[in-house]
Amino acid sequence: MSRTALPYQVDDLSELARNLRSQLAEAGPAPGHVSLLNMLARAAGFRNFQHFRASAAAGRRLEAALAQSGPADLALVEKVLRHFDAEGRMARWPGKTQQQRLAAFALWSRLPADVVLSEREVNDSLRRWHTFGDHALLRRTLVENALVTRAQDGSAYRRVECRPDPQATTLIRRLHAMG
């Protein structure tokens, strides 16, 4: 059976050492191979080694999908990011249509997939992810850009599942890392 190399990175080596020291003290006699793998994974913030391995595999799949979709226009992403605050909430609405569509994808990513939402639930979610006080504009934009479907009477909304373009994917990743 071949082994898959899994990259291991921690932000604070000192915290890693403290965490491992306490885990080793609790383990008693010298732990086995699997126990050590679990300790290292927990010290890096994962539940166990399986969680670490699954996270690494998901990361590889996402990177492969991004590589297939082509390079992102990072200048456009940077322009749109200026419309968001440090917590990843939209602080102002972009003036240009191309930037508005990209910003709409960021809001789309905050809505739950495969769930029928009421207008109130959509509004609550949009209020949570913007600060300029116009959730109706955002809701209309999501519908107009075919990112959300709406029942005729406006009683039910559903996120449309689609693959975001490279710019939207990059923006969504950056915003989710922020908050």
C-alpha atoms as a PDB file:
ATOM      1  CA  MET A   1       0.000   0.000   0.000  1.00  0.00           C
ATOM      2  CA  SER A   2       1.492   3.334  -1.015  1.00  0.00           C
ATOM      3  CA  ARG A   3       1.514   6.243   1.400  1.00  0.00           C
ATOM      4  CA  THR A   4       0.144   9.653   0.614  1.00  0.00           C
ATOM      5  CA  ALA A   5       2.355  12.486   1.786  1.00  0.00           C
ATOM      6  CA  LEU A   6       0.346  14.862   3.947  1.00  0.00           C
ATOM      7  CA  PRO A   7       1.768  18.337   4.538  1.00  0.00           C
ATOM      8  CA  TYR A   8       1.871  19.335   8.199  1.00  0.00           C
ATOM      9  CA  GLN A   9       1.933  22.984   9.190  1.00  0.00           C
ATOM     10  CA  VAL A  10       1.342  24.726  12.496  1.00  0.00           C
ATOM     11  CA  ASP A  11       1.278  28.440  13.185  1.00  0.00           C
ATOM     12  CA  ASP A  12       2.902  28.279  16.622  1.00  0.00           C
ATOM     13  CA  LEU A  13       5.630  25.696  17.204  1.00  0.00           C
ATOM     14  CA  SER A  14       5.816  26.554  20.900  1.00  0.00           C
ATOM     15  CA  GLU A  15       2.098  25.820  21.355  1.00  0.00           C
ATOM     16  CA  LEU A  16       2.574  22.544  19.453  1.00  0.00           C
ATOM     17  CA  ALA A  17       5.364  21.516  21.839  1.00  0.00           C
ATOM     18  CA  ARG A  18       3.267  22.370  24.922  1.00  0.00           C
ATOM     19  CA  ASN A  19       0.302  20.456  23.554  1.00  0.00           C
ATOM     20  CA  LEU A  20       2.395  17.388  22.716  1.00  0.00           C
ATOM     21  CA  ARG A  21       4.103  17.459  26.125  1.00  0.00           C
ATOM     22  CA  SER A  22       0.750  17.391  27.924  1.00  0.00           C
ATOM     23  CA  GLN A  23      -0.618  14.646  25.663  1.00  0.00           C
ATOM     24  CA  LEU A  24       2.501  12.504  26.156  1.00  0.00           C
ATOM     25  CA  ALA A  25       2.298  12.968  29.935  1.00  0.00           C
ATOM     26  CA  GLU A  26      -1.317  11.710  29.884  1.00  0.00           C
ATOM     27  CA  ALA A  27      -0.463   8.778  27.599  1.00  0.00           C
ATOM     28  CA  GLY A  28       1.769   7.035  30.140  1.00  0.00           C
ATOM     29  CA  PRO A  29       4.246   4.617  28.548  1.00  0.00           C
ATOM     30  CA  ALA A  30       5.601   5.376  25.068  1.00  0.00           C
ATOM     31  CA  PRO A  31       2.630   5.672  22.691  1.00  0.00           C
ATOM     32  CA  GLY A  32       2.393   3.668  19.487  1.00  0.00           C
ATOM     33  CA  HIS A  33       2.502   4.896  15.905  1.00  0.00           C
ATOM     34  CA  VAL A  34      -1.234   5.612  15.588  1.00  0.00           C
ATOM     35  CA  SER A  35      -1.362   7.307  18.980  1.00  0.00           C
ATOM     36  CA  LEU A  36       1.487   9.601  17.957  1.00  0.00           C
ATOM     37  CA  LEU A  37      -0.274  10.430  14.681  1.00  0.00           C
ATOM     38  CA  ASN A  38      -3.434  11.316  16.599  1.00  0.00           C
ATOM     39  CA  MET A  39      -1.444  13.455  19.051  1.00  0.00           C
ATOM     40  CA  LEU A  40       0.224  15.383  16.237  1.00  0.00           C
ATOM     41  CA  ALA A  41      -3.127  15.921  14.530  1.00  0.00           C
ATOM     42  CA  ARG A  42      -4.774  17.128  17.765  1.00  0.00           C
ATOM     43  CA  ALA A  43      -1.840  19.441  18.444  1.00  0.00           C
ATOM     44  CA  ALA A  44      -2.432  21.038  15.025  1.00  0.00           C
ATOM     45  CA  GLY A  45      -6.125  21.603  15.831  1.00  0.00           C
ATOM     46  CA  PHE A  46      -7.766  18.518  14.307  1.00  0.00           C
ATOM     47  CA  ARG A  47      -9.947  15.984  16.147  1.00  0.00           C
ATOM     48  CA  ASN A  48      -7.694  13.056  15.177  1.00  0.00           C
ATOM     49  CA  PHE A  49      -5.488  11.805  12.360  1.00  0.00           C
ATOM     50  CA  GLN A  50      -8.459  10.780  10.213  1.00  0.00           C
ATOM     51  CA  HIS A  51      -9.832  14.318  10.448  1.00  0.00           C
ATOM     52  CA  PHE A  52      -6.387  15.676   9.465  1.00  0.00           C
ATOM     53  CA  ARG A  53      -6.143  13.267   6.508  1.00  0.00           C
ATOM     54  CA  ALA A  54      -9.674  14.061   5.316  1.00  0.00           C
ATOM     55  CA  SER A  55      -8.946  17.791   5.508  1.00  0.00           C
ATOM     56  CA  ALA A  56      -5.749  17.378   3.484  1.00  0.00           C
ATOM     57  CA  ALA A  57      -7.588  15.302   0.852  1.00  0.00           C
ATOM     58  CA  ALA A  58     -10.328  17.936   0.576  1.00  0.00           C
ATOM     59  CA  GLY A  59      -7.665  20.615   0.149  1.00  0.00           C
ATOM     60  CA  ARG A  60      -6.046  18.664  -2.691  1.00  0.00           C
ATOM     61  CA  ARG A  61      -9.420  18.224  -4.414  1.00  0.00           C
ATOM     62  CA  LEU A  62     -10.166  21.943  -4.148  1.00  0.00           C
ATOM     63  CA  GLU A  63      -6.744  22.860  -5.508  1.00  0.00           C
ATOM     64  CA  ALA A  64      -7.221  20.440  -8.426  1.00  0.00           C
ATOM     65  CA  ALA A  65     -10.635  21.942  -9.198  1.00  0.00           C
ATOM     66  CA  LEU A  66      -9.165  25.444  -9.144  1.00  0.00           C
ATOM     67  CA  ALA A  67      -6.330  24.418 -11.427  1.00  0.00           C
ATOM     68  CA  GLN A  68      -8.840  23.071 -13.951  1.00  0.00           C
ATOM     69  CA  SER A  69     -10.942  26.230 -13.916  1.00  0.00           C
ATOM     70  CA  GLY A  70      -8.039  28.499 -14.848  1.00  0.00           C
ATOM     71  CA  PRO A  71      -6.314  31.409 -13.180  1.00  0.00           C
ATOM     72  CA  ALA A  72      -8.238  34.023 -11.239  1.00  0.00           C
ATOM     73  CA  ASP A  73      -8.101  37.739 -12.041  1.00  0.00           C
ATOM     74  CA  LEU A  74      -6.586  38.696  -8.692  1.00  0.00           C
ATOM     75  CA  ALA A  75      -6.770  42.424  -9.465  1.00  0.00           C
ATOM     76  CA  LEU A  76     -10.560  42.138  -9.757  1.00  0.00           C
ATOM     77  CA  VAL A  77     -10.749  40.082  -6.567  1.00  0.00           C
ATOM     78  CA  GLU A  78      -8.668  42.716  -4.775  1.00  0.00           C
ATOM     79  CA  LYS A  79     -11.003  45.500  -5.964  1.00  0.00           C
ATOM     80  CA  VAL A  80     -14.058  43.625  -4.702  1.00  0.00           C
ATOM     81  CA  LEU A  81     -12.375  42.777  -1.379  1.00  0.00           C
ATOM     82  CA  ARG A  82     -12.166  46.523  -0.698  1.00  0.00           C
ATOM     83  CA  HIS A  83     -15.953  46.510  -0.345  1.00  0.00           C
ATOM     84  CA  PHE A  84     -15.776  44.118   2.635  1.00  0.00           C
ATOM     85  CA  ASP A  85     -14.731  44.780   6.224  1.00  0.00           C
ATOM     86  CA  ALA A  86     -12.220  42.851   8.348  1.00  0.00           C
ATOM     87  CA  GLU A  87     -14.921  40.345   9.440  1.00  0.00           C
ATOM     88  CA  GLY A  88     -15.806  39.469   5.830  1.00  0.00           C
ATOM     89  CA  ARG A  89     -19.058  41.499   5.791  1.00  0.00           C
ATOM     90  CA  MET A  90     -19.933  43.690   2.829  1.00  0.00           C
ATOM     91  CA  ALA A  91     -19.480  47.310   3.910  1.00  0.00           C
ATOM     92  CA  ARG A  92     -20.620  48.976   0.668  1.00  0.00           C
ATOM     93  CA  TRP A  93     -22.131  47.962  -2.645  1.00  0.00           C
ATOM     94  CA  PRO A  94     -19.749  48.034  -5.652  1.00  0.00           C
ATOM     95  CA  GLY A  95     -20.595  50.459  -8.438  1.00  0.00           C
ATOM     96  CA  LYS A  96     -19.519  48.291 -11.369  1.00  0.00           C
ATOM     97  CA  THR A  97     -21.662  45.424 -12.610  1.00  0.00           C
ATOM     98  CA  GLN A  98     -18.755  42.966 -12.847  1.00  0.00           C
ATOM     99  CA  GLN A  99     -17.801  43.674  -9.242  1.00  0.00           C
ATOM    100  CA  GLN A 100     -21.449  43.436  -8.121  1.00  0.00           C
ATOM    101  CA  ARG A 101     -21.778  39.954  -9.621  1.00  0.00           C
ATOM    102  CA  LEU A 102     -18.600  38.835  -7.883  1.00  0.00           C
ATOM    103  CA  ALA A 103     -19.774  40.319  -4.566  1.00  0.00           C
ATOM    104  CA  ALA A 104     -23.127  38.547  -5.024  1.00  0.00           C
ATOM    105  CA  PHE A 105     -21.261  35.221  -5.210  1.00  0.00           C
ATOM    106  CA  ALA A 106     -19.744  35.982  -1.810  1.00  0.00           C
ATOM    107  CA  LEU A 107     -23.234  36.394  -0.342  1.00  0.00           C
ATOM    108  CA  TRP A 108     -24.469  33.320  -2.235  1.00  0.00           C
ATOM    109  CA  SER A 109     -21.754  31.267  -0.510  1.00  0.00           C
ATOM    110  CA  ARG A 110     -23.161  32.268   2.905  1.00  0.00           C
ATOM    111  CA  LEU A 111     -26.590  30.789   2.144  1.00  0.00           C
ATOM    112  CA  PRO A 112     -27.178  27.112   2.991  1.00  0.00           C
ATOM    113  CA  ALA A 113     -27.223  24.658   0.085  1.00  0.00           C
ATOM    114  CA  ASP A 114     -30.286  22.548  -0.733  1.00  0.00           C
ATOM    115  CA  VAL A 115     -32.515  24.315   1.785  1.00  0.00           C
ATOM    116  CA  VAL A 116     -35.744  26.172   1.088  1.00  0.00           C
ATOM    117  CA  LEU A 117     -35.647  29.481   2.941  1.00  0.00           C
ATOM    118  CA  SER A 118     -38.367  31.972   3.688  1.00  0.00           C
ATOM    119  CA  GLU A 119     -37.884  35.602   2.702  1.00  0.00           C
ATOM    120  CA  ARG A 120     -37.279  36.415   6.362  1.00  0.00           C
ATOM    121  CA  GLU A 121     -34.517  33.788   6.621  1.00  0.00           C
ATOM    122  CA  VAL A 122     -32.804  35.109   3.484  1.00  0.00           C
ATOM    123  CA  ASN A 123     -33.070  38.662   4.817  1.00  0.00           C
ATOM    124  CA  ASP A 124     -31.634  37.627   8.189  1.00  0.00           C
ATOM    125  CA  SER A 125     -28.672  35.946   6.514  1.00  0.00           C
ATOM    126  CA  LEU A 126     -28.032  38.939   4.274  1.00  0.00           C
ATOM    127  CA  ARG A 127     -28.269  41.342   7.233  1.00  0.00           C
ATOM    128  CA  ARG A 128     -25.675  39.253   9.026  1.00  0.00           C
ATOM    129  CA  TRP A 129     -23.217  39.527   6.102  1.00  0.00           C
ATOM    130  CA  HIS A 130     -23.508  43.210   5.166  1.00  0.00           C
ATOM    131  CA  THR A 131     -23.365  46.483   7.071  1.00  0.00           C
ATOM    132  CA  PHE A 132     -24.850  49.120   4.756  1.00  0.00           C
ATOM    133  CA  GLY A 133     -28.515  48.335   5.466  1.00  0.00           C
ATOM    134  CA  ASP A 134     -30.013  47.355   2.094  1.00  0.00           C
ATOM    135  CA  HIS A 135     -30.781  43.631   2.239  1.00  0.00           C
ATOM    136  CA  ALA A 136     -33.529  44.035  -0.394  1.00  0.00           C
ATOM    137  CA  LEU A 137     -30.965  45.184  -2.978  1.00  0.00           C
ATOM    138  CA  LEU A 138     -28.795  42.188  -2.175  1.00  0.00           C
ATOM    139  CA  ARG A 139     -31.722  39.737  -2.328  1.00  0.00           C
ATOM    140  CA  ARG A 140     -32.848  41.138  -5.704  1.00  0.00           C
ATOM    141  CA  THR A 141     -29.295  40.933  -7.044  1.00  0.00           C
ATOM    142  CA  LEU A 142     -29.012  37.278  -6.037  1.00  0.00           C
ATOM    143  CA  VAL A 143     -32.268  36.513  -7.867  1.00  0.00           C
ATOM    144  CA  GLU A 144     -31.369  38.607 -10.941  1.00  0.00           C
ATOM    145  CA  ASN A 145     -27.986  36.884 -11.228  1.00  0.00           C
ATOM    146  CA  ALA A 146     -29.704  33.469 -11.028  1.00  0.00           C
ATOM    147  CA  LEU A 147     -27.824  32.590  -7.834  1.00  0.00           C
ATOM    148  CA  VAL A 148     -31.099  32.180  -5.915  1.00  0.00           C
ATOM    149  CA  THR A 149     -34.519  31.104  -7.167  1.00  0.00           C
ATOM    150  CA  ARG A 150     -37.671  32.644  -5.776  1.00  0.00           C
ATOM    151  CA  ALA A 151     -41.234  31.337  -5.726  1.00  0.00           C
ATOM    152  CA  GLN A 152     -43.768  33.489  -7.628  1.00  0.00           C
ATOM    153  CA  ASP A 153     -45.261  34.805  -4.397  1.00  0.00           C
ATOM    154  CA  GLY A 154     -41.831  35.433  -2.826  1.00  0.00           C
ATOM    155  CA  SER A 155     -42.480  32.974  -0.016  1.00  0.00           C
ATOM    156  CA  ALA A 156     -39.669  30.515  -0.777  1.00  0.00           C
ATOM    157  CA  TYR A 157     -36.049  30.992  -1.825  1.00  0.00           C
ATOM    158  CA  ARG A 158     -33.437  28.392  -2.717  1.00  0.00           C
ATOM    159  CA  ARG A 159     -29.756  28.792  -3.471  1.00  0.00           C
ATOM    160  CA  VAL A 160     -28.921  27.645  -7.008  1.00  0.00           C
ATOM    161  CA  GLU A 161     -26.011  25.218  -6.950  1.00  0.00           C
ATOM    162  CA  CYS A 162     -23.378  26.163  -9.497  1.00  0.00           C
ATOM    163  CA  ARG A 163     -19.612  26.223  -9.783  1.00  0.00           C
ATOM    164  CA  PRO A 164     -18.268  29.730  -9.163  1.00  0.00           C
ATOM    165  CA  ASP A 165     -15.680  31.058 -11.594  1.00  0.00           C
ATOM    166  CA  PRO A 166     -12.038  31.338 -10.428  1.00  0.00           C
ATOM    167  CA  GLN A 167     -12.473  34.949  -9.264  1.00  0.00           C
ATOM    168  CA  ALA A 168     -15.544  34.086  -7.184  1.00  0.00           C
ATOM    169  CA  THR A 169     -13.845  31.024  -5.722  1.00  0.00           C
ATOM    170  CA  THR A 170     -10.825  33.085  -4.685  1.00  0.00           C
ATOM    171  CA  LEU A 171     -13.018  35.822  -3.193  1.00  0.00           C
ATOM    172  CA  ILE A 172     -15.153  33.315  -1.281  1.00  0.00           C
ATOM    173  CA  ARG A 173     -12.062  31.615   0.164  1.00  0.00           C
ATOM    174  CA  ARG A 174     -10.560  34.904   1.301  1.00  0.00           C
ATOM    175  CA  LEU A 175     -13.814  36.091   2.887  1.00  0.00           C
ATOM    176  CA  HIS A 176     -14.483  32.800   4.671  1.00  0.00           C
ATOM    177  CA  ALA A 177     -10.964  32.967   6.107  1.00  0.00           C
ATOM    178  CA  MET A 178     -11.745  36.445   7.443  1.00  0.00           C
ATOM    179  CA  GLY A 179     -14.959  35.589   9.246  1.00  0.00           C
END
